[in-house]
PDB file of N, CA and C in Angstrom:
ATOM      1  N   MET A   1      76.643 115.330  91.922  1.00  0.00           N
ATOM      2  CA  MET A   1      76.615 116.138  90.714  1.00  0.00           C
ATOM      3  C   MET A   1      75.593 115.528  89.754  1.00  0.00           C
ATOM      4  N   GLN A   2      74.682 116.344  89.318  1.00  0.00           N
ATOM      5  CA  GLN A   2      73.688 115.874  88.357  1.00  0.00           C
ATOM      6  C   GLN A   2      74.201 116.142  86.954  1.00  0.00           C
ATOM      7  N   ASN A   3      73.321 116.050  85.982  1.00  0.00           N
ATOM      8  CA  ASN A   3      73.789 116.228  84.608  1.00  0.00           C
ATOM      9  C   ASN A   3      73.695 117.672  84.120  1.00  0.00           C
ATOM     10  N   ASP A   4      73.566 118.642  85.025  1.00  0.00           N
ATOM     11  CA  ASP A   4      73.531 120.055  84.635  1.00  0.00           C
ATOM     12  C   ASP A   4      74.799 120.456  83.884  1.00  0.00           C
ATOM     13  N   TRP A   5      75.913 119.874  84.268  1.00  0.00           N
ATOM     14  CA  TRP A   5      77.194 120.212  83.632  1.00  0.00           C
ATOM     15  C   TRP A   5      77.170 119.928  82.140  1.00  0.00           C
ATOM     16  N   MET A   6      76.372 118.937  81.725  1.00  0.00           N
ATOM     17  CA  MET A   6      76.318 118.547  80.311  1.00  0.00           C
ATOM     18  C   MET A   6      75.696 119.638  79.435  1.00  0.00           C
ATOM     19  N   LYS A   7      74.951 120.546  80.046  1.00  0.00           N
ATOM     20  CA  LYS A   7      74.265 121.597  79.310  1.00  0.00           C
ATOM     21  C   LYS A   7      75.082 122.891  79.234  1.00  0.00           C
ATOM     22  N   ASP A   8      76.264 122.884  79.824  1.00  0.00           N
ATOM     23  CA  ASP A   8      77.109 124.075  79.846  1.00  0.00           C
ATOM     24  C   ASP A   8      77.486 124.473  78.416  1.00  0.00           C
ATOM     25  N   GLU A   9      77.429 125.757  78.142  1.00  0.00           N
ATOM     26  CA  GLU A   9      77.716 126.293  76.800  1.00  0.00           C
ATOM     27  C   GLU A   9      79.121 125.936  76.309  1.00  0.00           C
ATOM     28  N   ALA A  10      80.062 125.785  77.213  1.00  0.00           N
ATOM     29  CA  ALA A  10      81.447 125.467  76.822  1.00  0.00           C
ATOM     30  C   ALA A  10      81.556 124.094  76.165  1.00  0.00           C
ATOM     31  N   LEU A  11      80.553 123.244  76.351  1.00  0.00           N
ATOM     32  CA  LEU A  11      80.597 121.882  75.815  1.00  0.00           C
ATOM     33  C   LEU A  11      79.759 121.698  74.560  1.00  0.00           C
ATOM     34  N   LYS A  12      79.269 122.776  73.992  1.00  0.00           N
ATOM     35  CA  LYS A  12      78.343 122.683  72.857  1.00  0.00           C
ATOM     36  C   LYS A  12      78.919 121.965  71.643  1.00  0.00           C
ATOM     37  N   ASP A  13      80.251 121.954  71.496  1.00  0.00           N
ATOM     38  CA  ASP A  13      80.874 121.321  70.333  1.00  0.00           C
ATOM     39  C   ASP A  13      81.217 119.847  70.550  1.00  0.00           C
ATOM     40  N   ILE A  14      80.936 119.327  71.727  1.00  0.00           N
ATOM     41  CA  ILE A  14      81.245 117.926  72.031  1.00  0.00           C
ATOM     42  C   ILE A  14      79.990 117.091  71.824  1.00  0.00           C
ATOM     43  N   GLU A  15      80.155 115.975  71.130  1.00  0.00           N
ATOM     44  CA  GLU A  15      79.024 115.099  70.819  1.00  0.00           C
ATOM     45  C   GLU A  15      78.287 114.676  72.095  1.00  0.00           C
ATOM     46  N   PRO A  16      76.957 114.754  72.091  1.00  0.00           N
ATOM     47  CA  PRO A  16      76.173 114.388  73.277  1.00  0.00           C
ATOM     48  C   PRO A  16      76.428 112.955  73.769  1.00  0.00           C
ATOM     49  N   TYR A  17      76.662 112.002  72.860  1.00  0.00           N
ATOM     50  CA  TYR A  17      76.882 110.625  73.300  1.00  0.00           C
ATOM     51  C   TYR A  17      78.149 110.505  74.142  1.00  0.00           C
ATOM     52  N   LYS A  18      79.135 111.366  73.881  1.00  0.00           N
ATOM     53  CA  LYS A  18      80.356 111.355  74.685  1.00  0.00           C
ATOM     54  C   LYS A  18      80.062 111.846  76.105  1.00  0.00           C
ATOM     55  N   LEU A  19      79.269 112.894  76.200  1.00  0.00           N
ATOM     56  CA  LEU A  19      78.917 113.430  77.517  1.00  0.00           C
ATOM     57  C   LEU A  19      78.061 112.440  78.297  1.00  0.00           C
ATOM     58  N   GLU A  20      77.161 111.754  77.620  1.00  0.00           N
ATOM     59  CA  GLU A  20      76.332 110.743  78.277  1.00  0.00           C
ATOM     60  C   GLU A  20      77.182 109.584  78.774  1.00  0.00           C
ATOM     61  N   PHE A  21      78.193 109.202  78.005  1.00  0.00           N
ATOM     62  CA  PHE A  21      79.127 108.155  78.413  1.00  0.00           C
ATOM     63  C   PHE A  21      79.821 108.566  79.713  1.00  0.00           C
ATOM     64  N   LEU A  22      80.288 109.812  79.764  1.00  0.00           N
ATOM     65  CA  LEU A  22      80.947 110.305  80.969  1.00  0.00           C
ATOM     66  C   LEU A  22      79.999 110.379  82.155  1.00  0.00           C
ATOM     67  N   GLN A  23      78.780 110.816  81.922  1.00  0.00           N
ATOM     68  CA  GLN A  23      77.801 110.914  83.006  1.00  0.00           C
ATOM     69  C   GLN A  23      77.542 109.534  83.608  1.00  0.00           C
ATOM     70  N   ALA A  24      77.435 108.526  82.770  1.00  0.00           N
ATOM     71  CA  ALA A  24      77.245 107.163  83.272  1.00  0.00           C
ATOM     72  C   ALA A  24      78.435 106.749  84.132  1.00  0.00           C
ATOM     73  N   LEU A  25      79.636 107.125  83.735  1.00  0.00           N
ATOM     74  CA  LEU A  25      80.833 106.801  84.513  1.00  0.00           C
ATOM     75  C   LEU A  25      80.805 107.456  85.878  1.00  0.00           C
ATOM     76  N   VAL A  26      80.348 108.691  85.929  1.00  0.00           N
ATOM     77  CA  VAL A  26      80.284 109.404  87.208  1.00  0.00           C
ATOM     78  C   VAL A  26      79.402 108.637  88.177  1.00  0.00           C
ATOM     79  N   PHE A  27      78.238 108.200  87.711  1.00  0.00           N
ATOM     80  CA  PHE A  27      77.331 107.470  88.593  1.00  0.00           C
ATOM     81  C   PHE A  27      77.889 106.104  88.966  1.00  0.00           C
ATOM     82  N   GLU A  28      78.496 105.418  88.022  1.00  0.00           N
ATOM     83  CA  GLU A  28      79.046 104.091  88.293  1.00  0.00           C
ATOM     84  C   GLU A  28      80.221 104.148  89.259  1.00  0.00           C
ATOM     85  N   SER A  29      81.000 105.197  89.201  1.00  0.00           N
ATOM     86  CA  SER A  29      82.206 105.273  90.036  1.00  0.00           C
ATOM     87  C   SER A  29      81.969 105.952  91.379  1.00  0.00           C
ATOM     88  N   SER A  30      80.794 106.505  91.590  1.00  0.00           N
ATOM     89  CA  SER A  30      80.576 107.332  92.777  1.00  0.00           C
ATOM     90  C   SER A  30      80.750 106.587  94.101  1.00  0.00           C
ATOM     91  N   ASN A  31      80.508 105.290  94.134  1.00  0.00           N
ATOM     92  CA  ASN A  31      80.607 104.554  95.394  1.00  0.00           C
ATOM     93  C   ASN A  31      81.822 103.642  95.477  1.00  0.00           C
ATOM     94  N   LEU A  32      82.762 103.808  94.575  1.00  0.00           N
ATOM     95  CA  LEU A  32      83.939 102.946  94.568  1.00  0.00           C
ATOM     96  C   LEU A  32      84.938 103.353  95.643  1.00  0.00           C
ATOM     97  N   ARG A  33      85.580 102.350  96.218  1.00  0.00           N
ATOM     98  CA  ARG A  33      86.683 102.599  97.141  1.00  0.00           C
ATOM     99  C   ARG A  33      87.945 102.852  96.323  1.00  0.00           C
ATOM    100  N   LYS A  34      88.947 103.419  96.955  1.00  0.00           N
ATOM    101  CA  LYS A  34      90.182 103.793  96.273  1.00  0.00           C
ATOM    102  C   LYS A  34      90.802 102.616  95.519  1.00  0.00           C
ATOM    103  N   GLU A  35      90.824 101.432  96.128  1.00  0.00           N
ATOM    104  CA  GLU A  35      91.447 100.272  95.489  1.00  0.00           C
ATOM    105  C   GLU A  35      90.619  99.725  94.318  1.00  0.00           C
ATOM    106  N   GLN A  36      89.382 100.137  94.208  1.00  0.00           N
ATOM    107  CA  GLN A  36      88.532  99.703  93.096  1.00  0.00           C
ATOM    108  C   GLN A  36      88.628 100.635  91.894  1.00  0.00           C
ATOM    109  N   LEU A  37      89.197 101.809  92.089  1.00  0.00           N
ATOM    110  CA  LEU A  37      89.179 102.833  91.047  1.00  0.00           C
ATOM    111  C   LEU A  37      89.979 102.439  89.806  1.00  0.00           C
ATOM    112  N   MET A  38      91.190 101.940  89.966  1.00  0.00           N
ATOM    113  CA  MET A  38      92.012 101.601  88.805  1.00  0.00           C
ATOM    114  C   MET A  38      91.402 100.473  87.973  1.00  0.00           C
ATOM    115  N   PRO A  39      90.959  99.351  88.584  1.00  0.00           N
ATOM    116  CA  PRO A  39      90.293  98.317  87.759  1.00  0.00           C
ATOM    117  C   PRO A  39      89.053  98.856  87.050  1.00  0.00           C
ATOM    118  N   PHE A  40      88.328  99.732  87.721  1.00  0.00           N
ATOM    119  CA  PHE A  40      87.150 100.342  87.107  1.00  0.00           C
ATOM    120  C   PHE A  40      87.556 101.173  85.893  1.00  0.00           C
ATOM    121  N   LEU A  41      88.593 101.995  86.044  1.00  0.00           N
ATOM    122  CA  LEU A  41      89.036 102.829  84.931  1.00  0.00           C
ATOM    123  C   LEU A  41      89.529 101.999  83.759  1.00  0.00           C
ATOM    124  N   MET A  42      90.196 100.896  84.053  1.00  0.00           N
ATOM    125  CA  MET A  42      90.661 100.012  82.975  1.00  0.00           C
ATOM    126  C   MET A  42      89.464  99.423  82.218  1.00  0.00           C
ATOM    127  N   ALA A  43      88.439  99.011  82.938  1.00  0.00           N
ATOM    128  CA  ALA A  43      87.239  98.470  82.305  1.00  0.00           C
ATOM    129  C   ALA A  43      86.536  99.545  81.472  1.00  0.00           C
ATOM    130  N   VAL A  44      86.531 100.758  81.972  1.00  0.00           N
ATOM    131  CA  VAL A  44      85.911 101.872  81.253  1.00  0.00           C
ATOM    132  C   VAL A  44      86.657 102.145  79.950  1.00  0.00           C
ATOM    133  N   MET A  45      87.980 102.124  80.018  1.00  0.00           N
ATOM    134  CA  MET A  45      88.770 102.333  78.803  1.00  0.00           C
ATOM    135  C   MET A  45      88.444 101.267  77.767  1.00  0.00           C
ATOM    136  N   LYS A  46      88.310 100.034  78.219  1.00  0.00           N
ATOM    137  CA  LYS A  46      87.974  98.947  77.295  1.00  0.00           C
ATOM    138  C   LYS A  46      86.590  99.180  76.686  1.00  0.00           C
ATOM    139  N   ARG A  47      85.642  99.541  77.516  1.00  0.00           N
ATOM    140  CA  ARG A  47      84.280  99.796  77.031  1.00  0.00           C
ATOM    141  C   ARG A  47      84.275 100.954  76.035  1.00  0.00           C
ATOM    142  N   GLY A  48      85.041 101.981  76.326  1.00  0.00           N
ATOM    143  CA  GLY A  48      85.141 103.117  75.412  1.00  0.00           C
ATOM    144  C   GLY A  48      85.705 102.719  74.065  1.00  0.00           C
ATOM    145  N   LYS A  49      86.725 101.867  74.082  1.00  0.00           N
ATOM    146  CA  LYS A  49      87.297 101.388  72.819  1.00  0.00           C
ATOM    147  C   LYS A  49      86.283 100.583  72.031  1.00  0.00           C
ATOM    148  N   GLU A  50      85.550  99.708  72.731  1.00  0.00           N
ATOM    149  CA  GLU A  50      84.555  98.876  72.052  1.00  0.00           C
ATOM    150  C   GLU A  50      83.461  99.713  71.415  1.00  0.00           C
ATOM    151  N   LYS A  51      83.115 100.837  72.040  1.00  0.00           N
ATOM    152  CA  LYS A  51      82.060 101.703  71.524  1.00  0.00           C
ATOM    153  C   LYS A  51      82.620 102.871  70.714  1.00  0.00           C
ATOM    154  N   ASN A  52      83.940 102.829  70.459  1.00  0.00           N
ATOM    155  CA  ASN A  52      84.611 103.884  69.690  1.00  0.00           C
ATOM    156  C   ASN A  52      84.402 105.279  70.281  1.00  0.00           C
ATOM    157  N   VAL A  53      84.475 105.372  71.609  1.00  0.00           N
ATOM    158  CA  VAL A  53      84.369 106.656  72.286  1.00  0.00           C
ATOM    159  C   VAL A  53      85.786 107.100  72.632  1.00  0.00           C
ATOM    160  N   SER A  54      86.169 108.230  72.099  1.00  0.00           N
ATOM    161  CA  SER A  54      87.484 108.785  72.431  1.00  0.00           C
ATOM    162  C   SER A  54      87.352 110.294  72.544  1.00  0.00           C
ATOM    163  N   PHE A  55      88.284 110.879  73.271  1.00  0.00           N
ATOM    164  CA  PHE A  55      88.247 112.311  73.529  1.00  0.00           C
ATOM    165  C   PHE A  55      89.592 112.915  73.157  1.00  0.00           C
ATOM    166  N   SER A  56      89.547 114.055  72.496  1.00  0.00           N
ATOM    167  CA  SER A  56      90.779 114.785  72.211  1.00  0.00           C
ATOM    168  C   SER A  56      91.239 115.461  73.500  1.00  0.00           C
ATOM    169  N   ASP A  57      92.497 115.879  73.529  1.00  0.00           N
ATOM    170  CA  ASP A  57      93.000 116.602  74.700  1.00  0.00           C
ATOM    171  C   ASP A  57      92.179 117.869  74.944  1.00  0.00           C
ATOM    172  N   GLU A  58      91.786 118.532  73.874  1.00  0.00           N
ATOM    173  CA  GLU A  58      90.977 119.751  74.001  1.00  0.00           C
ATOM    174  C   GLU A  58      89.619 119.441  74.632  1.00  0.00           C
ATOM    175  N   GLU A  59      88.986 118.348  74.202  1.00  0.00           N
ATOM    176  CA  GLU A  59      87.699 117.962  74.786  1.00  0.00           C
ATOM    177  C   GLU A  59      87.850 117.628  76.269  1.00  0.00           C
ATOM    178  N   ILE A  60      88.893 116.920  76.604  1.00  0.00           N
ATOM    179  CA  ILE A  60      89.122 116.557  78.007  1.00  0.00           C
ATOM    180  C   ILE A  60      89.295 117.811  78.854  1.00  0.00           C
ATOM    181  N   THR A  61      90.071 118.739  78.377  1.00  0.00           N
ATOM    182  CA  THR A  61      90.291 119.985  79.115  1.00  0.00           C
ATOM    183  C   THR A  61      88.984 120.737  79.318  1.00  0.00           C
ATOM    184  N   LYS A  62      88.191 120.869  78.264  1.00  0.00           N
ATOM    185  CA  LYS A  62      86.905 121.563  78.368  1.00  0.00           C
ATOM    186  C   LYS A  62      85.992 120.862  79.374  1.00  0.00           C
ATOM    187  N   ILE A  63      85.897 119.554  79.264  1.00  0.00           N
ATOM    188  CA  ILE A  63      85.000 118.784  80.129  1.00  0.00           C
ATOM    189  C   ILE A  63      85.425 118.915  81.592  1.00  0.00           C
ATOM    190  N   VAL A  64      86.706 118.744  81.858  1.00  0.00           N
ATOM    191  CA  VAL A  64      87.188 118.822  83.241  1.00  0.00           C
ATOM    192  C   VAL A  64      86.947 120.216  83.813  1.00  0.00           C
ATOM    193  N   ASN A  65      87.200 121.249  83.036  1.00  0.00           N
ATOM    194  CA  ASN A  65      86.963 122.612  83.512  1.00  0.00           C
ATOM    195  C   ASN A  65      85.496 122.852  83.839  1.00  0.00           C
ATOM    196  N   VAL A  66      84.613 122.350  83.002  1.00  0.00           N
ATOM    197  CA  VAL A  66      83.173 122.513  83.255  1.00  0.00           C
ATOM    198  C   VAL A  66      82.750 121.706  84.468  1.00  0.00           C
ATOM    199  N   ILE A  67      83.197 120.467  84.566  1.00  0.00           N
ATOM    200  CA  ILE A  67      82.804 119.630  85.701  1.00  0.00           C
ATOM    201  C   ILE A  67      83.250 120.267  87.016  1.00  0.00           C
ATOM    202  N   ARG A  68      84.426 120.859  87.032  1.00  0.00           N
ATOM    203  CA  ARG A  68      84.911 121.528  88.254  1.00  0.00           C
ATOM    204  C   ARG A  68      83.945 122.622  88.718  1.00  0.00           C
ATOM    205  N   LYS A  69      83.290 123.315  87.767  1.00  0.00           N
ATOM    206  CA  LYS A  69      82.345 124.381  88.131  1.00  0.00           C
ATOM    207  C   LYS A  69      81.125 123.838  88.866  1.00  0.00           C
ATOM    208  N   TYR A  70      80.742 122.598  88.574  1.00  0.00           N
ATOM    209  CA  TYR A  70      79.518 122.025  89.114  1.00  0.00           C
ATOM    210  C   TYR A  70      79.766 121.021  90.242  1.00  0.00           C
ATOM    211  N   ALA A  71      81.003 120.645  90.465  1.00  0.00           N
ATOM    212  CA  ALA A  71      81.326 119.549  91.376  1.00  0.00           C
ATOM    213  C   ALA A  71      81.484 120.015  92.822  1.00  0.00           C
ATOM    214  N   SER A  72      81.255 119.071  93.727  1.00  0.00           N
ATOM    215  CA  SER A  72      81.509 119.294  95.151  1.00  0.00           C
ATOM    216  C   SER A  72      83.019 119.187  95.391  1.00  0.00           C
ATOM    217  N   PRO A  73      83.507 119.628  96.537  1.00  0.00           N
ATOM    218  CA  PRO A  73      84.934 119.484  96.830  1.00  0.00           C
ATOM    219  C   PRO A  73      85.404 118.023  96.758  1.00  0.00           C
ATOM    220  N   GLU A  74      84.569 117.091  97.187  1.00  0.00           N
ATOM    221  CA  GLU A  74      84.918 115.667  97.119  1.00  0.00           C
ATOM    222  C   GLU A  74      85.033 115.204  95.674  1.00  0.00           C
ATOM    223  N   GLU A  75      84.107 115.648  94.835  1.00  0.00           N
ATOM    224  CA  GLU A  75      84.142 115.272  93.422  1.00  0.00           C
ATOM    225  C   GLU A  75      85.361 115.886  92.733  1.00  0.00           C
ATOM    226  N   ILE A  76      85.692 117.114  93.090  1.00  0.00           N
ATOM    227  CA  ILE A  76      86.875 117.761  92.514  1.00  0.00           C
ATOM    228  C   ILE A  76      88.130 116.985  92.895  1.00  0.00           C
ATOM    229  N   ALA A  77      88.202 116.526  94.142  1.00  0.00           N
ATOM    230  CA  ALA A  77      89.362 115.738  94.577  1.00  0.00           C
ATOM    231  C   ALA A  77      89.472 114.454  93.762  1.00  0.00           C
ATOM    232  N   LYS A  78      88.337 113.820  93.483  1.00  0.00           N
ATOM    233  CA  LYS A  78      88.334 112.591  92.678  1.00  0.00           C
ATOM    234  C   LYS A  78      88.783 112.891  91.249  1.00  0.00           C
ATOM    235  N   ILE A  79      88.323 113.992  90.695  1.00  0.00           N
ATOM    236  CA  ILE A  79      88.722 114.396  89.340  1.00  0.00           C
ATOM    237  C   ILE A  79      90.232 114.615  89.289  1.00  0.00           C
ATOM    238  N   GLU A  80      90.756 115.327  90.284  1.00  0.00           N
ATOM    239  CA  GLU A  80      92.191 115.596  90.327  1.00  0.00           C
ATOM    240  C   GLU A  80      92.989 114.299  90.387  1.00  0.00           C
ATOM    241  N   LYS A  81      92.506 113.341  91.157  1.00  0.00           N
ATOM    242  CA  LYS A  81      93.197 112.058  91.277  1.00  0.00           C
ATOM    243  C   LYS A  81      93.201 111.332  89.930  1.00  0.00           C
ATOM    244  N   ILE A  82      92.060 111.297  89.277  1.00  0.00           N
ATOM    245  CA  ILE A  82      91.959 110.632  87.970  1.00  0.00           C
ATOM    246  C   ILE A  82      92.853 111.331  86.954  1.00  0.00           C
ATOM    247  N   MET A  83      92.844 112.658  86.956  1.00  0.00           N
ATOM    248  CA  MET A  83      93.658 113.416  85.990  1.00  0.00           C
ATOM    249  C   MET A  83      95.147 113.188  86.241  1.00  0.00           C
ATOM    250  N   SER A  84      95.533 112.972  87.494  1.00  0.00           N
ATOM    251  CA  SER A  84      96.956 112.738  87.783  1.00  0.00           C
ATOM    252  C   SER A  84      97.425 111.397  87.260  1.00  0.00           C
ATOM    253  N   MET A  85      96.504 110.457  87.025  1.00  0.00           N
ATOM    254  CA  MET A  85      96.852 109.133  86.497  1.00  0.00           C
ATOM    255  C   MET A  85      96.949 109.141  84.974  1.00  0.00           C
ATOM    256  N   ARG A  86      96.471 110.201  84.359  1.00  0.00           N
ATOM    257  CA  ARG A  86      96.432 110.299  82.904  1.00  0.00           C
ATOM    258  C   ARG A  86      97.835 110.465  82.340  1.00  0.00           C
ATOM    259  N   PRO A  87      98.145 109.729  81.310  1.00  0.00           N
ATOM    260  CA  PRO A  87      99.479 109.866  80.696  1.00  0.00           C
ATOM    261  C   PRO A  87      99.683 111.278  80.153  1.00  0.00           C
ATOM    262  N   ARG A  88     100.867 111.803  80.332  1.00  0.00           N
ATOM    263  CA  ARG A  88     101.225 113.131  79.823  1.00  0.00           C
ATOM    264  C   ARG A  88     101.903 112.998  78.483  1.00  0.00           C
ATOM    265  N   LYS A  89     101.677 113.953  77.609  1.00  0.00           N
ATOM    266  CA  LYS A  89     102.334 113.945  76.293  1.00  0.00           C
ATOM    267  C   LYS A  89     103.525 114.848  76.300  1.00  0.00           C
TER     268      LYS A  89
END
């Protein structure tokens, strides 16, 4: 998946630096094995806090919906796995 998803009209209200942060994560995580994913996500959360990057539930929903439109079946499976680890409110 390239960065075409970042240009989707549905994401126009989300700050570009947030989308760039996510795009970097996609590339960094693309070659990780299953057992490496959780430590990677924990490090990403820490990095996000340090850089004051946070996403509202609405932003997350918009981003995930857009990424699904552009993603391969393998990428969609990875997204679903990550979303299942997300705490529910």
